[in-house]
Amino acid sequence: MTDPMTDLMTDVRPNGSKTMLIYENLARERMREAEQAAEHARLVRRLSSARRWERLSAWAARRAKRANDLL
């Protein structure tokens, strides 16, 4: 004998209209695209941050070298 609650939770058959399923698929695709765009933006920020720290590090090294040369 099957439990009706278990059947409801494990039923993977779509029970909406075809139109509704199309809209759900479009919404999922838009969410996926938004997640990919957010990931790309995070990568861009990380790379620009790394470049900024690299420039700061090079500037600090040059300044330290000048200070040592004066001593």
Protein backbone atom coordinates (compact mmCIF):
# COMPACT_ATOMS: atom_id res chain seq x y z
CA MET A 1 0.00 0.00 0.00
CA THR A 2 1.38 3.41 -0.92
CA ASP A 3 1.27 6.52 1.19
CA PRO A 4 -0.52 9.41 -0.60
CA MET A 5 1.78 12.01 1.00
CA THR A 6 4.88 10.18 -0.24
CA ASP A 7 3.37 9.93 -3.70
CA LEU A 8 2.75 13.69 -3.74
CA MET A 9 6.32 14.47 -2.72
CA THR A 10 7.97 12.11 -5.19
CA ASP A 11 5.70 12.64 -8.18
CA VAL A 12 7.83 14.25 -10.89
CA ARG A 13 5.25 14.25 -13.63
CA PRO A 14 4.31 17.76 -14.72
CA ASN A 15 0.67 18.45 -14.00
CA GLY A 16 0.40 21.99 -15.42
CA SER A 17 -0.64 23.11 -18.85
CA LYS A 18 1.91 23.18 -21.67
CA THR A 19 1.85 26.98 -21.67
CA MET A 20 2.65 27.11 -17.96
CA LEU A 21 5.50 24.63 -18.41
CA ILE A 22 6.98 26.78 -21.18
CA TYR A 23 6.90 29.84 -18.91
CA GLU A 24 8.51 27.85 -16.10
CA ASN A 25 11.27 26.74 -18.46
CA LEU A 26 11.79 30.33 -19.61
CA ALA A 27 11.95 31.51 -16.00
CA ARG A 28 14.50 28.81 -15.16
CA GLU A 29 16.59 29.77 -18.19
CA ARG A 30 16.51 33.44 -17.18
CA MET A 31 17.57 32.50 -13.65
CA ARG A 32 20.42 30.43 -15.07
CA GLU A 33 21.52 33.34 -17.28
CA ALA A 34 21.36 35.73 -14.31
CA GLU A 35 23.50 33.35 -12.25
CA GLN A 36 26.05 33.13 -15.06
CA ALA A 37 26.12 36.92 -15.40
CA ALA A 38 26.64 37.28 -11.65
CA GLU A 39 29.48 34.74 -11.75
CA HIS A 40 31.09 36.66 -14.62
CA ALA A 41 30.76 39.94 -12.71
CA ARG A 42 32.37 38.33 -9.62
CA LEU A 43 35.27 37.12 -11.75
CA VAL A 44 35.75 40.58 -13.27
CA ARG A 45 35.76 42.17 -9.80
CA ARG A 46 38.28 39.63 -8.51
CA LEU A 47 40.61 40.20 -11.48
CA SER A 48 40.42 43.98 -11.23
CA SER A 49 41.01 43.76 -7.49
CA ALA A 50 44.06 41.56 -8.07
CA ARG A 51 45.44 44.08 -10.59
CA ARG A 52 44.84 46.93 -8.16
CA TRP A 53 46.70 45.10 -5.35
CA GLU A 54 49.50 44.25 -7.76
CA ARG A 55 49.91 47.93 -8.67
CA LEU A 56 49.84 48.93 -5.00
CA SER A 57 52.43 46.29 -4.17
CA ALA A 58 54.73 47.48 -6.95
CA TRP A 59 54.35 51.10 -5.81
CA ALA A 60 55.12 50.13 -2.19
CA ALA A 61 58.20 48.18 -3.33
CA ARG A 62 59.47 51.18 -5.34
CA ARG A 63 58.90 53.50 -2.41
CA ALA A 64 60.66 51.13 0.00
CA LYS A 65 63.62 50.87 -2.40
CA ARG A 66 63.88 54.68 -2.61
CA ALA A 67 63.72 54.93 1.18
CA ASN A 68 66.47 52.32 1.56
CA ASP A 69 68.61 54.10 -1.02
CA LEU A 70 68.40 57.31 1.02
CA LEU A 71 69.69 55.57 4.16
